[in-house]
Amino acid sequence: MKLFTLSTLASSVIYASFTSAFVPTSSFHAIQTSSCLHATTSVELVAEPEGGTELTPTSSSLPGSRMKDMGPVEGEDGVHSFWLSATAEGKKIKELRMQTEKEAAKKANFPGFRKGQIPPYAMPRMTMFAIQEAVIKTCEQSLEAYGLESLEGSAGEVTVNEDMSKVSKGYKLGNDIPFTATYNGKFDAKVQSSVAEAGDDNVVVDVEAEVVAD
């Protein structure tokens, strides 16, 4: 299942479109969450891949997440494959759902319904759309959280391992949604350098004192 970006809301049809590119938006910044205090939708996660190197977060922008470097991508200079385990925040999904409904109402013109009125059958599509957008934003946060850079175009496509269309069925608005994903990317040299320097500053050197007899 490929990740998706904002789709156009037509005046007569509301739909969510999938695209292959994963490009962080200009609003990519840290968002603190408290998932442990939120209700969570039950999702059967795809098994974690064996191997790989567990990464240590370089910031606190995505608490509760995990990231593994699955190794270099053959034939691609500096490109690695990454596996992510994270949670799309229920609060964000709800906000996006409300925003989507508001925007859709401006263009809605369904036969048999007043202009601006959205029929019940279109509501699940908007919920799915909000879930997709929340997953996108969470993946964008993972780049900052682990000091990574995304790739341009199709090279930076992201695969969500769980079927979000199934997850959206019976979804209770406001619940968190756990998911896993894989994508290719690069380590951000500036971030990794800063982390290395900070690590050096925290190194404690034990010096054995020489006792000189009087």
N, C-alpha and C. Protein backbone atom coordinates (compact mmCIF):
# COMPACT_ATOMS: atom_id res chain seq x y z
N MET A 1 0.85 -1.19 0.00
CA MET A 1 0.00 0.00 0.00
C MET A 1 0.88 1.23 0.00
N LYS A 2 0.81 2.03 -1.03
CA LYS A 2 1.65 3.21 -1.12
C LYS A 2 1.04 4.36 -0.33
N LEU A 3 1.92 5.23 0.12
CA LEU A 3 1.42 6.41 0.81
C LEU A 3 0.77 7.34 -0.20
N PHE A 4 0.09 8.31 0.29
CA PHE A 4 -0.81 9.13 -0.49
C PHE A 4 -0.63 10.56 -0.09
N THR A 5 -1.00 11.48 -0.95
CA THR A 5 -0.94 12.89 -0.62
C THR A 5 -2.34 13.48 -0.76
N LEU A 6 -2.45 14.75 -0.44
CA LEU A 6 -3.76 15.40 -0.52
C LEU A 6 -4.33 15.28 -1.92
N SER A 7 -5.53 14.81 -2.02
CA SER A 7 -6.19 14.71 -3.31
C SER A 7 -7.16 15.85 -3.49
N THR A 8 -7.55 16.09 -4.72
CA THR A 8 -8.53 17.13 -5.00
C THR A 8 -9.92 16.62 -4.65
N LEU A 9 -10.68 17.45 -3.95
CA LEU A 9 -12.05 17.10 -3.62
C LEU A 9 -12.96 17.65 -4.71
N ALA A 10 -13.48 16.77 -5.54
CA ALA A 10 -14.37 17.21 -6.61
C ALA A 10 -15.70 17.64 -6.03
N SER A 11 -16.45 18.46 -6.79
CA SER A 11 -17.73 18.96 -6.29
C SER A 11 -18.77 17.87 -6.17
N SER A 12 -18.64 16.81 -6.98
CA SER A 12 -19.65 15.76 -6.93
C SER A 12 -19.14 14.44 -6.39
N VAL A 13 -17.81 14.29 -6.31
CA VAL A 13 -17.24 13.04 -5.83
C VAL A 13 -16.10 13.35 -4.87
N ILE A 14 -16.09 12.71 -3.72
CA ILE A 14 -15.01 12.88 -2.76
C ILE A 14 -14.20 11.60 -2.77
N TYR A 15 -12.93 11.71 -3.00
CA TYR A 15 -12.13 10.50 -3.06
C TYR A 15 -10.73 10.77 -2.55
N ALA A 16 -9.99 9.71 -2.22
CA ALA A 16 -8.61 9.83 -1.78
C ALA A 16 -7.73 9.17 -2.82
N SER A 17 -6.74 9.88 -3.32
CA SER A 17 -5.87 9.33 -4.36
C SER A 17 -4.52 8.95 -3.79
N PHE A 18 -3.97 7.87 -4.31
CA PHE A 18 -2.66 7.40 -3.89
C PHE A 18 -1.62 7.92 -4.87
N THR A 19 -0.46 8.33 -4.36
CA THR A 19 0.64 8.75 -5.22
C THR A 19 1.89 8.04 -4.77
N SER A 20 2.90 8.07 -5.60
CA SER A 20 4.13 7.33 -5.30
C SER A 20 5.17 8.18 -4.58
N ALA A 21 5.02 9.50 -4.63
CA ALA A 21 6.06 10.34 -4.04
C ALA A 21 5.81 10.60 -2.57
N PHE A 22 6.90 10.62 -1.83
CA PHE A 22 6.84 10.99 -0.41
C PHE A 22 7.74 12.18 -0.24
N VAL A 23 7.17 13.38 -0.23
CA VAL A 23 7.95 14.60 -0.10
C VAL A 23 7.45 15.36 1.11
N PRO A 24 8.29 15.59 2.12
CA PRO A 24 7.86 16.30 3.32
C PRO A 24 7.33 17.69 2.99
N THR A 25 6.32 18.12 3.70
CA THR A 25 5.75 19.44 3.48
C THR A 25 6.55 20.48 4.24
N SER A 26 6.30 21.75 3.94
CA SER A 26 7.04 22.83 4.60
C SER A 26 6.69 22.92 6.08
N SER A 27 5.59 22.30 6.48
CA SER A 27 5.16 22.36 7.88
C SER A 27 5.69 21.19 8.69
N PHE A 28 6.74 20.52 8.18
CA PHE A 28 7.32 19.37 8.86
C PHE A 28 8.10 19.83 10.08
N HIS A 29 7.49 19.73 11.24
CA HIS A 29 8.11 20.09 12.50
C HIS A 29 7.72 19.08 13.56
N ALA A 30 8.39 19.17 14.70
CA ALA A 30 8.11 18.22 15.79
C ALA A 30 6.73 18.47 16.38
N ILE A 31 6.01 17.40 16.64
CA ILE A 31 4.70 17.48 17.29
C ILE A 31 4.71 16.50 18.43
N GLN A 32 4.63 16.97 19.66
CA GLN A 32 4.64 16.11 20.81
C GLN A 32 3.32 15.36 20.94
N THR A 33 3.40 14.09 21.28
CA THR A 33 2.18 13.30 21.47
C THR A 33 2.23 12.58 22.80
N SER A 34 1.08 12.12 23.23
CA SER A 34 0.98 11.34 24.46
C SER A 34 0.08 10.14 24.18
N SER A 35 0.54 9.28 23.30
CA SER A 35 -0.27 8.17 22.82
C SER A 35 -0.76 7.26 23.94
N CYS A 36 0.03 7.17 25.01
CA CYS A 36 -0.34 6.26 26.08
C CYS A 36 -1.62 6.68 26.77
N LEU A 37 -2.03 7.95 26.59
CA LEU A 37 -3.23 8.44 27.24
C LEU A 37 -4.43 8.40 26.31
N HIS A 38 -4.22 7.98 25.06
CA HIS A 38 -5.28 8.00 24.07
C HIS A 38 -5.81 6.58 23.81
N ALA A 39 -7.07 6.51 23.40
CA ALA A 39 -7.62 5.23 22.98
C ALA A 39 -6.94 4.84 21.68
N THR A 40 -6.66 3.56 21.49
CA THR A 40 -5.95 3.10 20.31
C THR A 40 -6.78 2.07 19.55
N THR A 41 -6.88 2.25 18.24
CA THR A 41 -7.58 1.29 17.40
C THR A 41 -6.75 0.01 17.29
N SER A 42 -7.39 -1.13 17.43
CA SER A 42 -6.69 -2.40 17.34
C SER A 42 -6.31 -2.68 15.88
N VAL A 43 -5.02 -2.83 15.64
CA VAL A 43 -4.53 -3.09 14.29
C VAL A 43 -3.58 -4.29 14.34
N GLU A 44 -3.80 -5.26 13.46
CA GLU A 44 -2.90 -6.40 13.37
C GLU A 44 -1.70 -5.99 12.53
N LEU A 45 -0.60 -5.69 13.21
CA LEU A 45 0.58 -5.19 12.52
C LEU A 45 1.32 -6.32 11.81
N VAL A 46 1.88 -5.98 10.65
CA VAL A 46 2.70 -6.92 9.91
C VAL A 46 3.96 -7.19 10.72
N ALA A 47 4.43 -8.42 10.72
CA ALA A 47 5.58 -8.82 11.53
C ALA A 47 6.81 -7.97 11.22
N GLU A 48 7.53 -7.64 12.27
CA GLU A 48 8.76 -6.86 12.13
C GLU A 48 9.80 -7.67 11.35
N PRO A 49 10.49 -7.04 10.41
CA PRO A 49 11.50 -7.77 9.64
C PRO A 49 12.70 -8.13 10.51
N GLU A 50 13.30 -9.26 10.23
CA GLU A 50 14.47 -9.68 10.98
C GLU A 50 15.68 -8.87 10.54
N GLY A 51 16.66 -8.77 11.45
CA GLY A 51 17.89 -8.06 11.12
C GLY A 51 17.72 -6.56 11.24
N GLY A 52 18.67 -5.85 10.66
CA GLY A 52 18.64 -4.40 10.73
C GLY A 52 19.28 -3.88 12.01
N THR A 53 19.52 -2.59 12.03
CA THR A 53 20.13 -1.93 13.19
C THR A 53 19.15 -0.94 13.78
N GLU A 54 18.84 -1.10 15.04
CA GLU A 54 17.92 -0.18 15.73
C GLU A 54 18.55 1.20 15.83
N LEU A 55 17.83 2.22 15.40
CA LEU A 55 18.34 3.59 15.45
C LEU A 55 17.90 4.28 16.73
N THR A 56 18.77 5.13 17.23
CA THR A 56 18.45 5.95 18.40
C THR A 56 17.89 7.29 17.91
N PRO A 57 16.76 7.73 18.43
CA PRO A 57 16.20 9.01 17.98
C PRO A 57 17.18 10.16 18.19
N THR A 58 17.18 11.09 17.25
CA THR A 58 18.01 12.28 17.38
C THR A 58 17.22 13.46 17.91
N SER A 59 15.92 13.28 18.05
CA SER A 59 15.05 14.30 18.65
C SER A 59 13.85 13.60 19.29
N SER A 60 13.08 14.36 20.03
CA SER A 60 11.91 13.80 20.73
C SER A 60 10.62 14.03 19.96
N SER A 61 10.72 14.21 18.64
CA SER A 61 9.55 14.59 17.85
C SER A 61 8.56 13.47 17.60
N LEU A 62 8.96 12.21 17.85
CA LEU A 62 8.05 11.10 17.59
C LEU A 62 8.18 10.06 18.70
N PRO A 63 7.73 10.39 19.91
CA PRO A 63 7.87 9.46 21.05
C PRO A 63 7.11 8.16 20.82
N GLY A 64 7.68 7.07 21.32
CA GLY A 64 7.02 5.78 21.19
C GLY A 64 7.27 5.08 19.87
N SER A 65 7.99 5.72 18.97
CA SER A 65 8.27 5.12 17.66
C SER A 65 9.56 4.31 17.70
N ARG A 66 9.75 3.50 16.65
CA ARG A 66 10.98 2.74 16.47
C ARG A 66 11.40 2.84 15.00
N MET A 67 12.70 2.83 14.78
CA MET A 67 13.22 2.87 13.42
C MET A 67 14.40 1.93 13.31
N LYS A 68 14.43 1.14 12.22
CA LYS A 68 15.55 0.24 11.97
C LYS A 68 16.16 0.54 10.61
N ASP A 69 17.48 0.58 10.58
CA ASP A 69 18.21 0.70 9.32
C ASP A 69 18.40 -0.72 8.79
N MET A 70 17.74 -1.03 7.69
CA MET A 70 17.79 -2.38 7.14
C MET A 70 18.98 -2.58 6.19
N GLY A 71 19.80 -1.54 6.06
CA GLY A 71 21.01 -1.67 5.27
C GLY A 71 21.01 -0.84 4.00
N PRO A 72 22.16 -0.72 3.36
CA PRO A 72 22.29 0.06 2.13
C PRO A 72 21.48 -0.54 0.99
N VAL A 73 20.99 0.32 0.12
CA VAL A 73 20.29 -0.12 -1.08
C VAL A 73 21.32 -0.32 -2.19
N GLU A 74 21.36 -1.49 -2.76
CA GLU A 74 22.37 -1.83 -3.77
C GLU A 74 22.30 -0.89 -4.97
N GLY A 75 23.47 -0.36 -5.33
CA GLY A 75 23.56 0.50 -6.50
C GLY A 75 23.17 1.95 -6.25
N GLU A 76 22.81 2.30 -5.01
CA GLU A 76 22.40 3.67 -4.68
C GLU A 76 23.36 4.24 -3.63
N ASP A 77 24.11 5.24 -4.01
CA ASP A 77 25.12 5.82 -3.14
C ASP A 77 24.50 6.50 -1.92
N GLY A 78 24.80 5.99 -0.75
CA GLY A 78 24.35 6.61 0.49
C GLY A 78 22.90 6.36 0.85
N VAL A 79 22.18 5.58 0.04
CA VAL A 79 20.76 5.33 0.27
C VAL A 79 20.59 4.04 1.09
N HIS A 80 19.76 4.15 2.12
CA HIS A 80 19.48 3.00 2.98
C HIS A 80 17.99 2.71 2.98
N SER A 81 17.65 1.48 3.33
CA SER A 81 16.25 1.09 3.50
C SER A 81 15.93 1.17 4.99
N PHE A 82 14.79 1.77 5.32
CA PHE A 82 14.41 1.95 6.72
C PHE A 82 13.04 1.33 7.01
N TRP A 83 12.90 0.79 8.21
CA TRP A 83 11.63 0.24 8.69
C TRP A 83 11.18 1.07 9.88
N LEU A 84 9.92 1.51 9.84
CA LEU A 84 9.37 2.38 10.89
C LEU A 84 8.17 1.75 11.56
N SER A 85 8.13 1.87 12.87
CA SER A 85 6.94 1.50 13.65
C SER A 85 6.52 2.75 14.41
N ALA A 86 5.30 3.22 14.18
CA ALA A 86 4.86 4.47 14.79
C ALA A 86 3.34 4.47 14.96
N THR A 87 2.83 5.56 15.49
CA THR A 87 1.40 5.70 15.72
C THR A 87 0.90 7.04 15.18
N ALA A 88 -0.14 6.99 14.35
CA ALA A 88 -0.79 8.20 13.88
C ALA A 88 -1.71 8.70 14.99
N GLU A 89 -1.50 9.90 15.43
CA GLU A 89 -2.21 10.44 16.58
C GLU A 89 -3.69 10.68 16.27
N GLY A 90 -4.55 10.17 17.14
CA GLY A 90 -5.99 10.30 16.96
C GLY A 90 -6.45 11.75 16.89
N LYS A 91 -5.81 12.60 17.67
CA LYS A 91 -6.19 14.02 17.68
C LYS A 91 -5.96 14.64 16.31
N LYS A 92 -4.84 14.27 15.69
CA LYS A 92 -4.52 14.80 14.36
C LYS A 92 -5.50 14.27 13.32
N ILE A 93 -5.85 12.99 13.42
CA ILE A 93 -6.82 12.40 12.49
C ILE A 93 -8.15 13.14 12.58
N LYS A 94 -8.58 13.41 13.79
CA LYS A 94 -9.85 14.11 14.01
C LYS A 94 -9.81 15.51 13.42
N GLU A 95 -8.71 16.22 13.61
CA GLU A 95 -8.56 17.57 13.08
C GLU A 95 -8.62 17.55 11.55
N LEU A 96 -7.91 16.59 10.96
CA LEU A 96 -7.90 16.48 9.51
C LEU A 96 -9.27 16.09 8.95
N ARG A 97 -9.98 15.25 9.70
CA ARG A 97 -11.33 14.84 9.29
C ARG A 97 -12.27 16.05 9.26
N MET A 98 -12.19 16.88 10.27
CA MET A 98 -13.03 18.07 10.34
C MET A 98 -12.67 19.06 9.25
N GLN A 99 -11.37 19.20 8.99
CA GLN A 99 -10.90 20.10 7.95
C GLN A 99 -11.37 19.63 6.57
N THR A 100 -11.27 18.33 6.34
CA THR A 100 -11.70 17.75 5.07
C THR A 100 -13.20 17.97 4.83
N GLU A 101 -13.99 17.73 5.87
CA GLU A 101 -15.43 17.91 5.75
C GLU A 101 -15.79 19.37 5.47
N LYS A 102 -15.07 20.27 6.12
CA LYS A 102 -15.33 21.70 5.92
C LYS A 102 -15.02 22.12 4.49
N GLU A 103 -13.89 21.64 3.96
CA GLU A 103 -13.50 21.99 2.60
C GLU A 103 -14.44 21.34 1.58
N ALA A 104 -14.83 20.10 1.86
CA ALA A 104 -15.71 19.39 0.93
C ALA A 104 -17.08 20.05 0.85
N ALA A 105 -17.56 20.57 1.98
CA ALA A 105 -18.88 21.20 2.02
C ALA A 105 -18.95 22.44 1.13
N LYS A 106 -17.79 23.08 0.92
CA LYS A 106 -17.77 24.29 0.09
C LYS A 106 -18.06 23.95 -1.38
N LYS A 107 -17.72 22.71 -1.78
CA LYS A 107 -17.88 22.34 -3.18
C LYS A 107 -18.96 21.28 -3.41
N ALA A 108 -19.49 20.76 -2.32
CA ALA A 108 -20.45 19.66 -2.43
C ALA A 108 -21.71 20.07 -3.19
N ASN A 109 -22.07 19.23 -4.15
CA ASN A 109 -23.28 19.47 -4.93
C ASN A 109 -23.80 18.12 -5.41
N PHE A 110 -24.31 17.34 -4.46
CA PHE A 110 -24.75 15.98 -4.74
C PHE A 110 -26.23 15.96 -5.12
N PRO A 111 -26.58 15.20 -6.14
CA PRO A 111 -27.99 15.08 -6.55
C PRO A 111 -28.85 14.58 -5.38
N GLY A 112 -29.95 15.26 -5.14
CA GLY A 112 -30.84 14.87 -4.07
C GLY A 112 -30.50 15.47 -2.73
N PHE A 113 -29.41 16.25 -2.67
CA PHE A 113 -29.00 16.91 -1.42
C PHE A 113 -28.82 18.41 -1.67
N ARG A 114 -29.04 19.18 -0.62
CA ARG A 114 -28.85 20.61 -0.75
C ARG A 114 -27.39 20.92 -1.06
N LYS A 115 -27.16 22.03 -1.76
CA LYS A 115 -25.80 22.44 -2.06
C LYS A 115 -25.04 22.67 -0.76
N GLY A 116 -23.86 22.08 -0.67
CA GLY A 116 -23.07 22.22 0.55
C GLY A 116 -23.30 21.10 1.55
N GLN A 117 -24.32 20.25 1.26
CA GLN A 117 -24.61 19.13 2.17
C GLN A 117 -23.90 17.87 1.67
N ILE A 118 -23.22 17.20 2.59
CA ILE A 118 -22.47 15.98 2.25
C ILE A 118 -23.31 14.76 2.63
N PRO A 119 -23.58 13.87 1.69
CA PRO A 119 -24.39 12.68 1.98
C PRO A 119 -23.65 11.70 2.89
N PRO A 120 -24.37 10.90 3.64
CA PRO A 120 -23.77 9.94 4.58
C PRO A 120 -22.78 8.98 3.92
N TYR A 121 -23.08 8.58 2.67
CA TYR A 121 -22.20 7.59 2.03
C TYR A 121 -20.80 8.14 1.73
N ALA A 122 -20.65 9.48 1.76
CA ALA A 122 -19.33 10.08 1.49
C ALA A 122 -18.49 10.21 2.75
N MET A 123 -19.11 10.08 3.92
CA MET A 123 -18.39 10.27 5.18
C MET A 123 -17.23 9.29 5.37
N PRO A 124 -17.42 7.99 5.12
CA PRO A 124 -16.30 7.05 5.30
C PRO A 124 -15.09 7.39 4.44
N ARG A 125 -15.34 7.93 3.25
CA ARG A 125 -14.23 8.30 2.37
C ARG A 125 -13.41 9.43 2.98
N MET A 126 -14.09 10.36 3.62
CA MET A 126 -13.38 11.47 4.24
C MET A 126 -12.60 11.01 5.46
N THR A 127 -13.13 10.03 6.17
CA THR A 127 -12.41 9.47 7.31
C THR A 127 -11.15 8.77 6.83
N MET A 128 -11.26 8.00 5.75
CA MET A 128 -10.11 7.33 5.16
C MET A 128 -9.06 8.34 4.73
N PHE A 129 -9.52 9.42 4.13
CA PHE A 129 -8.64 10.49 3.68
C PHE A 129 -7.87 11.08 4.87
N ALA A 130 -8.55 11.32 5.98
CA ALA A 130 -7.92 11.89 7.17
C ALA A 130 -6.88 10.94 7.75
N ILE A 131 -7.19 9.65 7.75
CA ILE A 131 -6.25 8.64 8.25
C ILE A 131 -4.99 8.64 7.39
N GLN A 132 -5.18 8.68 6.07
CA GLN A 132 -4.05 8.70 5.14
C GLN A 132 -3.15 9.90 5.40
N GLU A 133 -3.76 11.06 5.54
CA GLU A 133 -2.99 12.27 5.77
C GLU A 133 -2.22 12.22 7.09
N ALA A 134 -2.84 11.67 8.13
CA ALA A 134 -2.19 11.56 9.43
C ALA A 134 -0.99 10.62 9.36
N VAL A 135 -1.11 9.54 8.59
CA VAL A 135 0.00 8.62 8.41
C VAL A 135 1.14 9.31 7.66
N ILE A 136 0.81 10.09 6.64
CA ILE A 136 1.81 10.84 5.90
C ILE A 136 2.60 11.75 6.85
N LYS A 137 1.89 12.52 7.64
CA LYS A 137 2.54 13.47 8.54
C LYS A 137 3.40 12.77 9.59
N THR A 138 2.95 11.60 10.03
CA THR A 138 3.73 10.84 11.00
C THR A 138 5.03 10.35 10.37
N CYS A 139 4.97 9.89 9.13
CA CYS A 139 6.18 9.47 8.43
C CYS A 139 7.13 10.64 8.21
N GLU A 140 6.58 11.80 7.94
CA GLU A 140 7.41 12.99 7.79
C GLU A 140 8.13 13.31 9.10
N GLN A 141 7.42 13.16 10.21
CA GLN A 141 8.03 13.39 11.51
C GLN A 141 9.17 12.42 11.78
N SER A 142 9.06 11.21 11.24
CA SER A 142 10.10 10.21 11.50
C SER A 142 11.44 10.63 10.91
N LEU A 143 11.42 11.41 9.84
CA LEU A 143 12.66 11.88 9.24
C LEU A 143 13.42 12.75 10.23
N GLU A 144 12.72 13.68 10.84
CA GLU A 144 13.34 14.56 11.82
C GLU A 144 13.74 13.80 13.08
N ALA A 145 12.86 12.88 13.48
CA ALA A 145 13.08 12.16 14.73
C ALA A 145 14.35 11.31 14.70
N TYR A 146 14.73 10.83 13.50
CA TYR A 146 15.88 9.94 13.40
C TYR A 146 17.01 10.50 12.53
N GLY A 147 16.94 11.79 12.21
CA GLY A 147 18.02 12.43 11.47
C GLY A 147 18.20 11.90 10.07
N LEU A 148 17.08 11.80 9.33
CA LEU A 148 17.12 11.25 7.97
C LEU A 148 16.69 12.29 6.94
N GLU A 149 16.99 11.99 5.69
CA GLU A 149 16.55 12.82 4.57
C GLU A 149 15.71 11.97 3.63
N SER A 150 14.64 12.54 3.09
CA SER A 150 13.82 11.82 2.13
C SER A 150 14.46 11.92 0.75
N LEU A 151 14.03 11.05 -0.16
CA LEU A 151 14.50 11.07 -1.53
C LEU A 151 13.43 11.70 -2.42
N GLU A 152 13.84 12.25 -3.52
CA GLU A 152 12.89 12.91 -4.42
C GLU A 152 12.19 11.91 -5.34
N GLY A 153 10.98 12.28 -5.74
CA GLY A 153 10.24 11.50 -6.72
C GLY A 153 9.92 10.09 -6.26
N SER A 154 9.88 9.18 -7.22
CA SER A 154 9.48 7.80 -6.92
C SER A 154 10.50 7.09 -6.03
N ALA A 155 11.73 7.59 -5.99
CA ALA A 155 12.77 6.97 -5.16
C ALA A 155 12.42 7.08 -3.68
N GLY A 156 11.60 8.06 -3.35
CA GLY A 156 11.25 8.28 -1.95
C GLY A 156 9.88 7.76 -1.57
N GLU A 157 9.33 6.85 -2.38
CA GLU A 157 7.99 6.34 -2.07
C GLU A 157 8.01 5.54 -0.78
N VAL A 158 6.90 5.58 -0.09
CA VAL A 158 6.75 4.90 1.20
C VAL A 158 5.69 3.82 1.07
N THR A 159 5.95 2.68 1.67
CA THR A 159 4.97 1.60 1.69
C THR A 159 4.47 1.39 3.12
N VAL A 160 3.16 1.54 3.30
CA VAL A 160 2.54 1.24 4.59
C VAL A 160 2.17 -0.23 4.57
N ASN A 161 2.65 -0.97 5.55
CA ASN A 161 2.48 -2.42 5.52
C ASN A 161 1.06 -2.89 5.86
N GLU A 162 0.33 -2.08 6.62
CA GLU A 162 -1.04 -2.45 6.99
C GLU A 162 -2.04 -1.84 5.99
N ASP A 163 -3.17 -2.49 5.85
CA ASP A 163 -4.20 -2.03 4.93
C ASP A 163 -5.08 -0.99 5.64
N MET A 164 -4.84 0.29 5.36
CA MET A 164 -5.57 1.34 6.04
C MET A 164 -7.05 1.38 5.64
N SER A 165 -7.38 0.83 4.48
CA SER A 165 -8.79 0.81 4.08
C SER A 165 -9.58 -0.12 5.02
N LYS A 166 -8.94 -1.20 5.46
CA LYS A 166 -9.59 -2.10 6.42
C LYS A 166 -9.63 -1.46 7.80
N VAL A 167 -8.55 -0.78 8.15
CA VAL A 167 -8.47 -0.12 9.46
C VAL A 167 -9.56 0.94 9.60
N SER A 168 -9.86 1.64 8.50
CA SER A 168 -10.82 2.73 8.55
C SER A 168 -12.25 2.25 8.79
N LYS A 169 -12.51 0.99 8.45
CA LYS A 169 -13.86 0.44 8.65
C LYS A 169 -14.10 0.25 10.15
N GLY A 170 -15.09 0.89 10.68
CA GLY A 170 -15.40 0.78 12.09
C GLY A 170 -14.49 1.63 12.95
N TYR A 171 -13.65 2.47 12.32
CA TYR A 171 -12.75 3.32 13.08
C TYR A 171 -13.52 4.36 13.90
N LYS A 172 -13.14 4.52 15.15
CA LYS A 172 -13.76 5.51 16.02
C LYS A 172 -12.91 6.77 15.99
N LEU A 173 -13.51 7.85 15.52
CA LEU A 173 -12.79 9.11 15.35
C LEU A 173 -12.16 9.56 16.66
N GLY A 174 -10.87 9.86 16.61
CA GLY A 174 -10.15 10.31 17.80
C GLY A 174 -9.20 9.25 18.34
N ASN A 175 -9.35 8.00 17.87
CA ASN A 175 -8.46 6.94 18.33
C ASN A 175 -7.12 7.00 17.59
N ASP A 176 -6.05 6.63 18.29
CA ASP A 176 -4.75 6.51 17.65
C ASP A 176 -4.73 5.28 16.76
N ILE A 177 -3.86 5.30 15.75
CA ILE A 177 -3.72 4.14 14.85
C ILE A 177 -2.24 3.77 14.72
N PRO A 178 -1.83 2.62 15.25
CA PRO A 178 -0.45 2.15 15.07
C PRO A 178 -0.27 1.61 13.67
N PHE A 179 0.93 1.72 13.12
CA PHE A 179 1.20 1.20 11.78
C PHE A 179 2.70 0.99 11.63
N THR A 180 3.08 0.27 10.59
CA THR A 180 4.49 0.12 10.24
C THR A 180 4.65 0.51 8.77
N ALA A 181 5.84 0.95 8.43
CA ALA A 181 6.09 1.38 7.04
C ALA A 181 7.56 1.19 6.70
N THR A 182 7.84 1.15 5.42
CA THR A 182 9.21 1.07 4.94
C THR A 182 9.43 2.13 3.87
N TYR A 183 10.61 2.70 3.85
CA TYR A 183 10.97 3.64 2.79
C TYR A 183 12.49 3.76 2.69
N ASN A 184 12.95 4.24 1.55
CA ASN A 184 14.37 4.48 1.34
C ASN A 184 14.69 5.93 1.66
N GLY A 185 15.87 6.17 2.16
CA GLY A 185 16.28 7.52 2.49
C GLY A 185 17.77 7.59 2.77
N LYS A 186 18.21 8.73 3.22
CA LYS A 186 19.62 8.94 3.55
C LYS A 186 19.74 9.51 4.95
N PHE A 187 20.89 9.30 5.56
CA PHE A 187 21.16 9.93 6.83
C PHE A 187 21.49 11.39 6.58
N ASP A 188 20.92 12.29 7.37
CA ASP A 188 21.21 13.72 7.26
C ASP A 188 22.57 13.97 7.88
N ALA A 189 23.55 14.30 7.04
CA ALA A 189 24.94 14.45 7.49
C ALA A 189 25.09 15.50 8.59
N LYS A 190 24.36 16.61 8.47
CA LYS A 190 24.48 17.67 9.47
C LYS A 190 23.96 17.22 10.82
N VAL A 191 22.81 16.53 10.80
CA VAL A 191 22.22 16.06 12.05
C VAL A 191 23.11 15.01 12.69
N GLN A 192 23.59 14.06 11.90
CA GLN A 192 24.43 13.00 12.43
C GLN A 192 25.73 13.55 12.99
N SER A 193 26.27 14.60 12.34
CA SER A 193 27.50 15.23 12.82
C SER A 193 27.27 15.91 14.16
N SER A 194 26.12 16.58 14.29
CA SER A 194 25.79 17.26 15.55
C SER A 194 25.63 16.26 16.68
N VAL A 195 24.99 15.13 16.37
CA VAL A 195 24.78 14.09 17.37
C VAL A 195 26.12 13.51 17.82
N ALA A 196 27.02 13.31 16.85
CA ALA A 196 28.34 12.76 17.16
C ALA A 196 29.13 13.72 18.05
N GLU A 197 29.05 15.02 17.74
CA GLU A 197 29.75 16.02 18.54
C GLU A 197 29.20 16.08 19.95
N ALA A 198 27.88 16.00 20.06
CA ALA A 198 27.25 16.02 21.38
C ALA A 198 27.68 14.80 22.19
N GLY A 199 27.81 13.67 21.50
CA GLY A 199 28.24 12.45 22.17
C GLY A 199 29.65 12.57 22.69
N ASP A 200 30.53 13.20 21.90
CA ASP A 200 31.92 13.39 22.32
C ASP A 200 32.01 14.28 23.55
N ASP A 201 31.14 15.29 23.61
CA ASP A 201 31.16 16.21 24.75
C ASP A 201 30.74 15.52 26.04
N ASN A 202 29.97 14.44 25.92
CA ASN A 202 29.47 13.75 27.10
C ASN A 202 30.37 12.58 27.53
N VAL A 203 31.47 12.37 26.79
CA VAL A 203 32.37 11.28 27.13
C VAL A 203 33.14 11.61 28.41
N VAL A 204 33.13 10.69 29.33
CA VAL A 204 33.86 10.88 30.58
C VAL A 204 35.16 10.09 30.50
N VAL A 205 36.25 10.77 30.67
CA VAL A 205 37.56 10.13 30.59
C VAL A 205 38.10 9.91 32.00
N ASP A 206 38.38 8.65 32.32
CA ASP A 206 38.94 8.33 33.63
C ASP A 206 40.45 8.46 33.58
N VAL A 207 40.99 9.26 34.45
CA VAL A 207 42.43 9.48 34.50
C VAL A 207 42.97 8.90 35.80
N GLU A 208 43.91 8.02 35.67
CA GLU A 208 44.50 7.41 36.86
C GLU A 208 45.61 8.31 37.36
N ALA A 209 45.47 8.79 38.60
CA ALA A 209 46.45 9.69 39.17
C ALA A 209 47.69 8.92 39.63
N GLU A 210 48.85 9.48 39.35
CA GLU A 210 50.09 8.85 39.77
C GLU A 210 50.50 9.41 41.13
N VAL A 211 50.72 8.55 42.08
CA VAL A 211 51.10 8.98 43.42
C VAL A 211 52.61 9.11 43.48
N VAL A 212 53.08 10.30 43.82
CA VAL A 212 54.50 10.57 43.89
C VAL A 212 54.93 10.58 45.34
N ALA A 213 55.84 9.68 45.66
CA ALA A 213 56.31 9.60 47.04
C ALA A 213 57.14 10.79 47.41
N ASP A 214 56.97 11.28 48.64
CA ASP A 214 57.78 12.42 49.12
C ASP A 214 59.23 11.99 49.31
